C-alpha atoms as a PDB file:
ATOM      1  CA  MET A   1     -51.625  -1.171  -7.117  1.00  0.00           C
ATOM      2  CA  ASN A   2     -48.373  -0.485  -5.200  1.00  0.00           C
ATOM      3  CA  ILE A   3     -45.679  -1.793  -7.515  1.00  0.00           C
ATOM      4  CA  PHE A   4     -42.912  -0.476  -5.235  1.00  0.00           C
ATOM      5  CA  PHE A   5     -43.728  -2.885  -2.375  1.00  0.00           C
ATOM      6  CA  LEU A   6     -44.522  -5.676  -4.812  1.00  0.00           C
ATOM      7  CA  GLU A   7     -41.054  -5.330  -6.329  1.00  0.00           C
ATOM      8  CA  LEU A   8     -39.438  -5.299  -2.896  1.00  0.00           C
ATOM      9  CA  ARG A   9     -41.242  -8.487  -1.966  1.00  0.00           C
ATOM     10  CA  ASN A  10     -40.265 -10.175  -5.227  1.00  0.00           C
ATOM     11  CA  GLN A  11     -36.573  -9.240  -5.005  1.00  0.00           C
ATOM     12  CA  ARG A  12     -35.895  -9.482  -1.281  1.00  0.00           C
ATOM     13  CA  LYS A  13     -34.997 -13.187  -1.288  1.00  0.00           C
ATOM     14  CA  GLY A  14     -32.389 -12.859  -4.020  1.00  0.00           C
ATOM     15  CA  ALA A  15     -31.020  -9.660  -2.473  1.00  0.00           C
ATOM     16  CA  LEU A  16     -30.711 -11.285   0.962  1.00  0.00           C
ATOM     17  CA  ILE A  17     -28.933 -14.352  -0.421  1.00  0.00           C
ATOM     18  CA  GLY A  18     -26.507 -12.292  -2.511  1.00  0.00           C
ATOM     19  CA  THR A  19     -25.802  -9.855   0.317  1.00  0.00           C
ATOM     20  CA  ALA A  20     -25.263 -12.641   2.847  1.00  0.00           C
ATOM     21  CA  SER A  21     -22.896 -14.444   0.454  1.00  0.00           C
ATOM     22  CA  ILE A  22     -20.693 -11.402  -0.144  1.00  0.00           C
ATOM     23  CA  CYS A  23     -20.732 -10.458   3.550  1.00  0.00           C
ATOM     24  CA  GLY A  24     -19.558 -13.999   4.268  1.00  0.00           C
ATOM     25  CA  VAL A  25     -16.705 -13.579   1.778  1.00  0.00           C
ATOM     26  CA  ILE A  26     -15.718 -10.288   3.439  1.00  0.00           C
ATOM     27  CA  LEU A  27     -15.614 -11.896   6.887  1.00  0.00           C
ATOM     28  CA  VAL A  28     -13.631 -14.891   5.604  1.00  0.00           C
ATOM     29  CA  LEU A  29     -11.074 -12.604   3.950  1.00  0.00           C
ATOM     30  CA  LEU A  30     -10.717 -10.530   7.110  1.00  0.00           C
ATOM     31  CA  ALA A  31     -10.472 -13.636   9.297  1.00  0.00           C
ATOM     32  CA  PHE A  32      -7.582 -14.803   7.099  1.00  0.00           C
ATOM     33  CA  PHE A  33      -5.651 -11.570   7.724  1.00  0.00           C
ATOM     34  CA  PRO A  34      -3.852 -12.589  10.978  1.00  0.00           C
ATOM     35  CA  ALA A  35      -2.240 -15.493   9.116  1.00  0.00           C
ATOM     36  CA  MET A  36      -0.913 -13.064   6.481  1.00  0.00           C
ATOM     37  CA  GLN A  37       1.090 -11.225   9.151  1.00  0.00           C
ATOM     38  CA  THR A  38       3.466 -14.159   9.651  1.00  0.00           C
ATOM     39  CA  GLU A  39       6.755 -14.215   7.752  1.00  0.00           C
ATOM     40  CA  SER A  40       6.157 -17.788   6.592  1.00  0.00           C
ATOM     41  CA  MET A  41       2.871 -16.826   4.915  1.00  0.00           C
ATOM     42  CA  GLN A  42       4.495 -13.784   3.304  1.00  0.00           C
ATOM     43  CA  ALA A  43       7.295 -16.002   1.962  1.00  0.00           C
ATOM     44  CA  LEU A  44       4.753 -18.536   0.674  1.00  0.00           C
ATOM     45  CA  ALA A  45       2.751 -15.800  -1.086  1.00  0.00           C
ATOM     46  CA  ASN A  46       5.891 -14.388  -2.718  1.00  0.00           C
ATOM     47  CA  ALA A  47       6.991 -17.871  -3.831  1.00  0.00           C
ATOM     48  CA  LYS A  48       3.600 -18.521  -5.440  1.00  0.00           C
ATOM     49  CA  LEU A  49       3.666 -15.185  -7.241  1.00  0.00           C
ATOM     50  CA  GLU A  50       7.108 -15.886  -8.709  1.00  0.00           C
ATOM     51  CA  GLY A  51       5.601 -18.737 -10.723  1.00  0.00           C
ATOM     52  CA  ILE A  52       2.915 -16.539 -12.325  1.00  0.00           C
ATOM     53  CA  SER A  53       3.554 -14.764 -15.621  1.00  0.00           C
ATOM     54  CA  THR A  54       4.206 -11.037 -15.490  1.00  0.00           C
ATOM     55  CA  VAL A  55       1.271 -10.378 -17.824  1.00  0.00           C
ATOM     56  CA  LEU A  56      -1.172 -12.042 -15.431  1.00  0.00           C
ATOM     57  CA  LEU A  57       0.395 -10.274 -12.440  1.00  0.00           C
ATOM     58  CA  ALA A  58      -0.055  -6.927 -14.176  1.00  0.00           C
ATOM     59  CA  ALA A  59      -3.716  -7.757 -14.900  1.00  0.00           C
ATOM     60  CA  LEU A  60      -4.264  -8.613 -11.222  1.00  0.00           C
ATOM     61  CA  GLY A  61      -2.511  -5.451 -10.019  1.00  0.00           C
ATOM     62  CA  LEU A  62       0.373  -7.375  -8.436  1.00  0.00           C
ATOM     63  CA  THR A  63       3.302  -5.964 -10.404  1.00  0.00           C
ATOM     64  CA  ASN A  64       4.575  -4.449  -7.169  1.00  0.00           C
ATOM     65  CA  MET A  65       3.969  -6.791  -4.242  1.00  0.00           C
ATOM     66  CA  PHE A  66       1.859  -5.286  -1.471  1.00  0.00           C
ATOM     67  CA  ASP A  67       2.773  -5.583   2.175  1.00  0.00           C
ATOM     68  CA  PHE A  68      -0.086  -7.864   3.156  1.00  0.00           C
ATOM     69  CA  SER A  69       0.975  -7.698   6.822  1.00  0.00           C
ATOM     70  CA  LEU A  70      -0.853  -4.334   6.881  1.00  0.00           C
ATOM     71  CA  ILE A  71      -4.614  -4.685   6.985  1.00  0.00           C
ATOM     72  CA  SER A  72      -5.114  -1.568   4.848  1.00  0.00           C
ATOM     73  CA  ALA A  73      -2.949  -3.050   2.061  1.00  0.00           C
ATOM     74  CA  TYR A  74      -4.307  -6.577   2.417  1.00  0.00           C
ATOM     75  CA  PHE A  75      -8.008  -5.788   2.482  1.00  0.00           C
ATOM     76  CA  GLY A  76      -7.638  -2.813   0.149  1.00  0.00           C
ATOM     77  CA  TYR A  77      -6.384  -5.210  -2.517  1.00  0.00           C
ATOM     78  CA  ALA A  78      -9.033  -7.854  -1.763  1.00  0.00           C
ATOM     79  CA  LEU A  79     -11.796  -5.244  -1.678  1.00  0.00           C
ATOM     80  CA  GLN A  80     -11.538  -4.538  -5.397  1.00  0.00           C
ATOM     81  CA  TYR A  81     -12.604  -8.121  -6.134  1.00  0.00           C
ATOM     82  CA  VAL A  82     -15.330  -7.977  -3.499  1.00  0.00           C
ATOM     83  CA  ALA A  83     -16.592  -4.795  -5.178  1.00  0.00           C
ATOM     84  CA  LEU A  84     -16.493  -6.554  -8.556  1.00  0.00           C
ATOM     85  CA  ALA A  85     -18.623  -9.404  -7.169  1.00  0.00           C
ATOM     86  CA  ALA A  86     -21.061  -6.855  -5.718  1.00  0.00           C
ATOM     87  CA  MET A  87     -21.354  -5.115  -9.084  1.00  0.00           C
ATOM     88  CA  VAL A  88     -22.145  -8.467 -10.748  1.00  0.00           C
ATOM     89  CA  LEU A  89     -24.908  -9.043  -8.194  1.00  0.00           C
ATOM     90  CA  ILE A  90     -26.346  -5.571  -8.725  1.00  0.00           C
ATOM     91  CA  THR A  91     -26.198  -6.025 -12.490  1.00  0.00           C
ATOM     92  CA  GLN A  92     -28.167  -9.266 -12.208  1.00  0.00           C
ATOM     93  CA  GLN A  93     -30.787  -7.470 -10.152  1.00  0.00           C
ATOM     94  CA  ALA A  94     -30.942  -4.676 -12.721  1.00  0.00           C
ATOM     95  CA  VAL A  95     -31.521  -7.196 -15.512  1.00  0.00           C
ATOM     96  CA  ALA A  96     -34.241  -8.879 -13.449  1.00  0.00           C
ATOM     97  CA  LEU A  97     -35.885  -5.485 -13.074  1.00  0.00           C
ATOM     98  CA  LEU A  98     -36.692  -5.449 -16.770  1.00  0.00           C
ATOM     99  CA  ILE A  99     -37.339  -9.101 -17.647  1.00  0.00           C
ATOM    100  CA  LYS A 100     -38.768 -10.770 -14.534  1.00  0.00           C
ATOM    101  CA  GLU A 101     -42.448 -10.288 -15.407  1.00  0.00           C
ATOM    102  CA  GLU A 102     -41.851 -11.246 -19.015  1.00  0.00           C
ATOM    103  CA  THR A 103     -39.975 -14.380 -17.943  1.00  0.00           C
ATOM    104  CA  ASP A 104     -42.689 -15.323 -15.432  1.00  0.00           C
ATOM    105  CA  GLY A 105     -45.431 -14.662 -17.961  1.00  0.00           C
ATOM    106  CA  THR A 106     -47.130 -11.959 -15.841  1.00  0.00           C
ATOM    107  CA  ILE A 107     -46.269  -8.956 -18.015  1.00  0.00           C
ATOM    108  CA  GLU A 108     -49.766  -8.826 -19.556  1.00  0.00           C
ATOM    109  CA  TYR A 109     -51.372  -8.928 -16.117  1.00  0.00           C
ATOM    110  CA  LEU A 110     -49.137  -6.066 -14.920  1.00  0.00           C
ATOM    111  CA  CYS A 111     -49.676  -3.895 -17.977  1.00  0.00           C
ATOM    112  CA  ALA A 112     -53.440  -4.458 -17.782  1.00  0.00           C
ATOM    113  CA  LYS A 113     -53.563  -2.622 -14.463  1.00  0.00           C
ATOM    114  CA  PRO A 114     -54.523   1.085 -14.415  1.00  0.00           C
ATOM    115  CA  VAL A 115     -50.871   2.159 -14.126  1.00  0.00           C
ATOM    116  CA  SER A 116     -48.762   3.709 -16.854  1.00  0.00           C
ATOM    117  CA  ARG A 117     -45.625   1.985 -18.018  1.00  0.00           C
ATOM    118  CA  ASP A 118     -43.563   4.958 -16.819  1.00  0.00           C
ATOM    119  CA  ASP A 119     -44.989   4.523 -13.327  1.00  0.00           C
ATOM    120  CA  ILE A 120     -44.214   0.806 -13.416  1.00  0.00           C
ATOM    121  CA  LEU A 121     -40.593   1.426 -14.419  1.00  0.00           C
ATOM    122  CA  GLY A 122     -40.176   4.298 -11.942  1.00  0.00           C
ATOM    123  CA  GLN A 123     -41.459   2.328  -8.942  1.00  0.00           C
ATOM    124  CA  LYS A 124     -39.391  -0.716  -9.869  1.00  0.00           C
ATOM    125  CA  LEU A 125     -36.285   1.498 -10.129  1.00  0.00           C
ATOM    126  CA  LEU A 126     -36.952   3.028  -6.706  1.00  0.00           C
ATOM    127  CA  ALA A 127     -37.345  -0.425  -5.179  1.00  0.00           C
ATOM    128  CA  HIS A 128     -34.042  -1.574  -6.646  1.00  0.00           C
ATOM    129  CA  LEU A 129     -32.237   1.607  -5.591  1.00  0.00           C
ATOM    130  CA  LEU A 130     -33.437   1.021  -2.030  1.00  0.00           C
ATOM    131  CA  LEU A 131     -32.199  -2.586  -2.133  1.00  0.00           C
ATOM    132  CA  VAL A 132     -28.814  -1.505  -3.525  1.00  0.00           C
ATOM    133  CA  THR A 133     -28.466   1.181  -0.837  1.00  0.00           C
ATOM    134  CA  LEU A 134     -29.289  -1.279   1.952  1.00  0.00           C
ATOM    135  CA  THR A 135     -26.879  -3.802   0.437  1.00  0.00           C
ATOM    136  CA  MET A 136     -24.011  -1.289   0.359  1.00  0.00           C
ATOM    137  CA  LEU A 137     -24.686  -0.227   3.931  1.00  0.00           C
ATOM    138  CA  THR A 138     -24.597  -3.881   4.979  1.00  0.00           C
ATOM    139  CA  TYR A 139     -21.247  -4.351   3.211  1.00  0.00           C
ATOM    140  CA  ALA A 140     -19.837  -1.273   4.964  1.00  0.00           C
ATOM    141  CA  LEU A 141     -21.025  -2.386   8.409  1.00  0.00           C
ATOM    142  CA  THR A 142     -19.724  -5.920   7.869  1.00  0.00           C
ATOM    143  CA  THR A 143     -16.339  -4.580   6.766  1.00  0.00           C
ATOM    144  CA  ALA A 144     -16.122  -2.238   9.773  1.00  0.00           C
ATOM    145  CA  MET A 145     -17.044  -4.999  12.223  1.00  0.00           C
ATOM    146  CA  GLY A 146     -14.581  -7.461  10.669  1.00  0.00           C
ATOM    147  CA  TYR A 147     -11.859  -4.808  10.542  1.00  0.00           C
ATOM    148  CA  LEU A 148     -12.240  -4.093  14.255  1.00  0.00           C
ATOM    149  CA  MET A 149     -12.236  -7.813  15.112  1.00  0.00           C
ATOM    150  CA  VAL A 150      -8.945  -8.656  13.380  1.00  0.00           C
ATOM    151  CA  SER A 151      -7.002  -5.368  13.642  1.00  0.00           C
ATOM    152  CA  ASP A 152      -5.216  -3.920  16.647  1.00  0.00           C
ATOM    153  CA  TYR A 153      -7.507  -0.886  16.806  1.00  0.00           C
ATOM    154  CA  ALA A 154     -10.248  -0.530  19.356  1.00  0.00           C
ATOM    155  CA  LEU A 155     -13.466   1.163  18.292  1.00  0.00           C
ATOM    156  CA  PRO A 156     -12.629   4.586  19.845  1.00  0.00           C
ATOM    157  CA  GLN A 157      -9.214   4.546  18.160  1.00  0.00           C
ATOM    158  CA  ALA A 158     -10.696   3.630  14.797  1.00  0.00           C
ATOM    159  CA  MET A 159     -13.235   6.458  15.086  1.00  0.00           C
ATOM    160  CA  GLU A 160     -10.423   8.934  15.825  1.00  0.00           C
ATOM    161  CA  GLU A 161      -8.429   8.100  12.698  1.00  0.00           C
ATOM    162  CA  ALA A 162      -7.678  11.053  10.473  1.00  0.00           C
ATOM    163  CA  ALA A 163      -6.325  11.584   6.977  1.00  0.00           C
ATOM    164  CA  ILE A 164      -4.113  14.221   5.401  1.00  0.00           C
ATOM    165  CA  LEU A 165      -5.175  15.492   1.996  1.00  0.00           C
ATOM    166  CA  PHE A 166      -2.519  16.805  -0.386  1.00  0.00           C
ATOM    167  CA  GLY A 167      -3.359  18.611  -3.596  1.00  0.00           C
ATOM    168  CA  PRO A 168      -1.650  18.499  -7.008  1.00  0.00           C
ATOM    169  CA  GLU A 169       1.782  20.117  -7.010  1.00  0.00           C
ATOM    170  CA  ARG A 170       0.943  22.641  -9.727  1.00  0.00           C
ATOM    171  CA  MET A 171      -2.167  24.213  -8.168  1.00  0.00           C
ATOM    172  CA  GLY A 172      -2.641  22.726  -4.695  1.00  0.00           C
ATOM    173  CA  LEU A 173      -6.004  21.972  -3.140  1.00  0.00           C
ATOM    174  CA  SER A 174      -9.109  23.345  -4.802  1.00  0.00           C
ATOM    175  CA  THR A 175     -11.867  25.163  -2.957  1.00  0.00           C
ATOM    176  CA  GLU A 176     -14.066  22.093  -3.290  1.00  0.00           C
ATOM    177  CA  ASP A 177     -11.333  19.952  -1.690  1.00  0.00           C
ATOM    178  CA  LEU A 178     -10.954  22.368   1.213  1.00  0.00           C
ATOM    179  CA  ARG A 179     -14.678  22.169   1.961  1.00  0.00           C
ATOM    180  CA  HIS A 180     -14.157  18.541   3.008  1.00  0.00           C
ATOM    181  CA  CYS A 181     -11.286  19.376   5.393  1.00  0.00           C
ATOM    182  CA  GLN A 182     -11.600  20.256   9.081  1.00  0.00           C
ATOM    183  CA  LYS A 183      -8.132  21.832   9.397  1.00  0.00           C
ATOM    184  CA  VAL A 184      -5.773  23.575   6.992  1.00  0.00           C
ATOM    185  CA  VAL A 185      -2.025  23.166   7.538  1.00  0.00           C
ATOM    186  CA  ARG A 186       0.501  25.738   6.358  1.00  0.00           C
ATOM    187  CA  ILE A 187       4.264  25.108   6.502  1.00  0.00           C
ATOM    188  CA  PRO A 188       5.991  28.448   7.288  1.00  0.00           C
ATOM    189  CA  THR A 189       9.127  29.489   5.386  1.00  0.00           C
ATOM    190  CA  ASP A 190      11.601  32.292   6.102  1.00  0.00           C
ATOM    191  CA  ASP A 191      12.151  33.397   2.520  1.00  0.00           C
ATOM    192  CA  PRO A 192       9.136  35.210   0.983  1.00  0.00           C
ATOM    193  CA  GLU A 193      10.330  34.233  -2.482  1.00  0.00           C
ATOM    194  CA  THR A 194       9.981  30.552  -1.616  1.00  0.00           C
ATOM    195  CA  SER A 195       6.699  30.721   0.266  1.00  0.00           C
ATOM    196  CA  SER A 196       5.532  27.345  -1.062  1.00  0.00           C
ATOM    197  CA  LEU A 197       7.158  23.920  -1.011  1.00  0.00           C
ATOM    198  CA  ASN A 198       6.809  21.162  -3.549  1.00  0.00           C
ATOM    199  CA  LEU A 199       4.613  18.161  -2.819  1.00  0.00           C
ATOM    200  CA  ALA A 200       7.418  15.763  -1.866  1.00  0.00           C
ATOM    201  CA  GLN A 201       8.890  18.238   0.635  1.00  0.00           C
ATOM    202  CA  SER A 202       5.478  18.865   2.198  1.00  0.00           C
ATOM    203  CA  VAL A 203       4.765  15.144   2.621  1.00  0.00           C
ATOM    204  CA  LEU A 204       8.211  14.604   4.143  1.00  0.00           C
ATOM    205  CA  ILE A 205       7.867  17.446   6.670  1.00  0.00           C
ATOM    206  CA  LEU A 206       4.331  16.537   7.744  1.00  0.00           C
ATOM    207  CA  GLY A 207       5.253  12.862   8.064  1.00  0.00           C
ATOM    208  CA  TYR A 208       8.206  13.760  10.296  1.00  0.00           C
ATOM    209  CA  GLU A 209       6.056  16.065  12.429  1.00  0.00           C
ATOM    210  CA  LEU A 210       3.441  13.335  12.881  1.00  0.00           C
ATOM    211  CA  ILE A 211       6.106  10.907  14.132  1.00  0.00           C
ATOM    212  CA  MET A 212       7.438  13.498  16.571  1.00  0.00           C
ATOM    213  CA  ALA A 213       3.936  14.435  17.754  1.00  0.00           C
ATOM    214  CA  ALA A 214       3.216  10.781  18.488  1.00  0.00           C
ATOM    215  CA  GLY A 215       6.196  10.734  20.849  1.00  0.00           C
ATOM    216  CA  GLY A 216       8.305   8.516  18.646  1.00  0.00           C
ATOM    217  CA  GLU A 217      11.672   8.921  17.033  1.00  0.00           C
ATOM    218  CA  PRO A 218      12.413   8.162  13.393  1.00  0.00           C
ATOM    219  CA  GLU A 219      14.033   4.749  13.128  1.00  0.00           C
ATOM    220  CA  ALA A 220      17.688   4.917  12.252  1.00  0.00           C
ATOM    221  CA  PRO A 221      18.614   2.993   9.106  1.00  0.00           C
ATOM    222  CA  THR A 222      19.902  -0.459   9.926  1.00  0.00           C
ATOM    223  CA  ILE A 223      23.537  -0.954   8.924  1.00  0.00           C
ATOM    224  CA  LYS A 224      24.898  -4.471   8.529  1.00  0.00           C
ATOM    225  CA  PRO A 225      28.646  -4.392   9.173  1.00  0.00           C
ATOM    226  CA  ALA A 226      30.893  -6.356   6.875  1.00  0.00           C
ATOM    227  CA  PRO A 227      32.216  -9.710   8.146  1.00  0.00           C
ATOM    228  CA  HIS A 228      35.602  -9.549   9.868  1.00  0.00           C
ATOM    229  CA  THR A 229      37.248 -11.521   7.057  1.00  0.00           C
ATOM    230  CA  GLU A 230      36.189  -8.946   4.445  1.00  0.00           C
ATOM    231  CA  VAL A 231      37.505  -6.083   6.577  1.00  0.00           C
ATOM    232  CA  GLU A 232      40.857  -7.838   7.039  1.00  0.00           C
ATOM    233  CA  GLU A 233      41.125  -8.499   3.282  1.00  0.00           C
ATOM    234  CA  MET A 234      40.477  -4.813   2.699  1.00  0.00           C
ATOM    235  CA  TYR A 235      43.247  -3.925   5.198  1.00  0.00           C
ATOM    236  CA  ASP A 236      45.649  -6.268   3.385  1.00  0.00           C
ATOM    237  CA  ASP A 237      44.958  -4.565   0.048  1.00  0.00           C
ATOM    238  CA  LEU A 238      45.241  -1.136   1.676  1.00  0.00           C
ATOM    239  CA  THR A 239      48.561  -2.030   3.301  1.00  0.00           C
ATOM    240  CA  ASP A 240      49.955  -3.252  -0.022  1.00  0.00           C
ATOM    241  CA  ALA A 241      48.802  -0.093  -1.851  1.00  0.00           C
ATOM    242  CA  LEU A 242      50.187   2.273   0.810  1.00  0.00           C
ATOM    243  CA  LEU A 243      53.501   0.426   0.787  1.00  0.00           C
ATOM    244  CA  ARG A 244      53.726   0.752  -2.996  1.00  0.00           C
ATOM    245  CA  ILE A 245      53.257   4.528  -2.889  1.00  0.00           C
ATOM    246  CA  GLY A 246      55.688   4.901   0.040  1.00  0.00           C
ATOM    247  CA  PHE A 247      53.151   6.074   2.611  1.00  0.00           C
ATOM    248  CA  LEU A 248      53.927   3.263   5.087  1.00  0.00           C
ATOM    249  CA  PRO A 249      57.469   2.367   6.185  1.00  0.00           C
ATOM    250  CA  PRO A 250      58.381  -1.122   4.965  1.00  0.00           C
ATOM    251  CA  ASP A 251      60.045  -2.166   8.221  1.00  0.00           C
ATOM    252  CA  ASN A 252      56.930  -1.910  10.443  1.00  0.00           C
ATOM    253  CA  PRO A 253      53.798  -1.122   8.355  1.00  0.00           C
ATOM    254  CA  GLY A 254      51.384  -2.720  10.864  1.00  0.00           C
ATOM    255  CA  HIS A 255      52.234  -0.214  13.566  1.00  0.00           C
ATOM    256  CA  TRP A 256      51.569   2.794  11.346  1.00  0.00           C
ATOM    257  CA  LEU A 257      48.426   1.226   9.917  1.00  0.00           C
ATOM    258  CA  MET A 258      46.812   1.099  13.376  1.00  0.00           C
ATOM    259  CA  ASN A 259      45.720   4.751  13.242  1.00  0.00           C
ATOM    260  CA  ILE A 260      44.084   4.186   9.852  1.00  0.00           C
ATOM    261  CA  LYS A 261      42.318   1.089  11.206  1.00  0.00           C
ATOM    262  CA  LYS A 262      40.893   3.117  14.104  1.00  0.00           C
ATOM    263  CA  ILE A 263      39.248   5.493  11.625  1.00  0.00           C
ATOM    264  CA  PHE A 264      37.663   2.672   9.638  1.00  0.00           C
ATOM    265  CA  ASN A 265      36.611   0.701  12.725  1.00  0.00           C
ATOM    266  CA  ARG A 266      34.673   3.681  14.090  1.00  0.00           C
ATOM    267  CA  SER A 267      32.585   3.848  10.923  1.00  0.00           C
ATOM    268  CA  LEU A 268      31.468   0.163  10.857  1.00  0.00           C
ATOM    269  CA  LEU A 269      32.265  -0.536   7.221  1.00  0.00           C
ATOM    270  CA  THR A 270      29.712  -2.457   5.177  1.00  0.00           C
ATOM    271  CA  SER A 271      30.557  -5.085   2.570  1.00  0.00           C
ATOM    272  CA  GLY A 272      29.945  -2.566  -0.212  1.00  0.00           C
ATOM    273  CA  GLU A 273      32.295  -0.037   1.377  1.00  0.00           C
ATOM    274  CA  CYS A 274      35.007  -2.685   1.793  1.00  0.00           C
ATOM    275  CA  ASN A 275      34.680  -3.555  -1.885  1.00  0.00           C
ATOM    276  CA  LEU A 276      34.902   0.145  -2.742  1.00  0.00           C
ATOM    277  CA  TRP A 277      38.203   0.570  -0.894  1.00  0.00           C
ATOM    278  CA  ARG A 278      39.594  -2.619  -2.374  1.00  0.00           C
ATOM    279  CA  GLY A 279      38.728  -1.201  -5.784  1.00  0.00           C
ATOM    280  CA  VAL A 280      40.655   1.992  -4.920  1.00  0.00           C
ATOM    281  CA  CYS A 281      43.666  -0.130  -3.948  1.00  0.00           C
ATOM    282  CA  ARG A 282      43.489  -2.108  -7.202  1.00  0.00           C
ATOM    283  CA  GLN A 283      43.373   1.126  -9.159  1.00  0.00           C
ATOM    284  CA  ILE A 284      46.464   2.380  -7.325  1.00  0.00           C
ATOM    285  CA  ARG A 285      48.354  -0.814  -8.166  1.00  0.00           C
ATOM    286  CA  TRP A 286      47.244  -0.599 -11.807  1.00  0.00           C
ATOM    287  CA  ALA A 287      48.375   3.023 -12.082  1.00  0.00           C
ATOM    288  CA  LEU A 288      51.755   2.218 -10.531  1.00  0.00           C
ATOM    289  CA  SER A 289      52.315  -0.766 -12.804  1.00  0.00           C
ATOM    290  CA  GLY A 290      51.599   1.403 -15.856  1.00  0.00           C
ATOM    291  CA  ARG A 291      54.093   4.016 -14.678  1.00  0.00           C
ATOM    292  CA  GLU A 292      56.755   1.335 -14.096  1.00  0.00           C
ATOM    293  CA  LYS A 293      56.315  -0.006 -17.637  1.00  0.00           C
ATOM    294  CA  ALA A 294      56.641   3.502 -19.067  1.00  0.00           C
END
């Protein structure tokens, strides 16, 4: 009696239904990804999360909001719940492995056959392991197909993707880690006494080199200049402070202030920098008023 094939035949319907259901969920989640790239959807998601308690957000892994406009962040977060659903399905199949015959009332018939109980359990386990393996492969293929349909990568580009593996800062990569790598990168240093860099420095240098190798330039930080009214208010405070300390002549301070304005205008002051200089001017006035009272 071939219990292995009997078990496959008994479990195939449930396995097919469960696998098809989860594959459908994967495709639906991936099909929803393009909508998550819009700013309006991001704003809606953030607004919904603001109304949820911090305890629940921590339990769901949403303490720090992910950038769901990236497919790796979006589906990486969703995948943990897909994996949880898959584990529930596999657990149900594992329970059925042990109780199905007893529930159906065929346990006596099975045990009456010239097969030991160890053989029965072993063949049933092999059948379930095969079903689980096929199920996982189906999930992987469905995810890959959905990923390629909704992402900007073509199949050749996706196959050429690479990863950089960094080891712990204290000891670096182990021999076992290096066995999984195709290339080993070493960052040269001039000083023999500092032949190794810390992890943060290594990540920074390699990230910069990858940007340069791709033919791109690091994006300059965006600076939002202060409104003209704030700059003029800062100039008024500065003029008053410089007059109080005798730096500007009282008869024509605007003329002498022009050179100072040229310096500030070249630097595109931000609102924070204007507030900083206004604070300096207030401190000057406060110090002068204290000296006058003394």
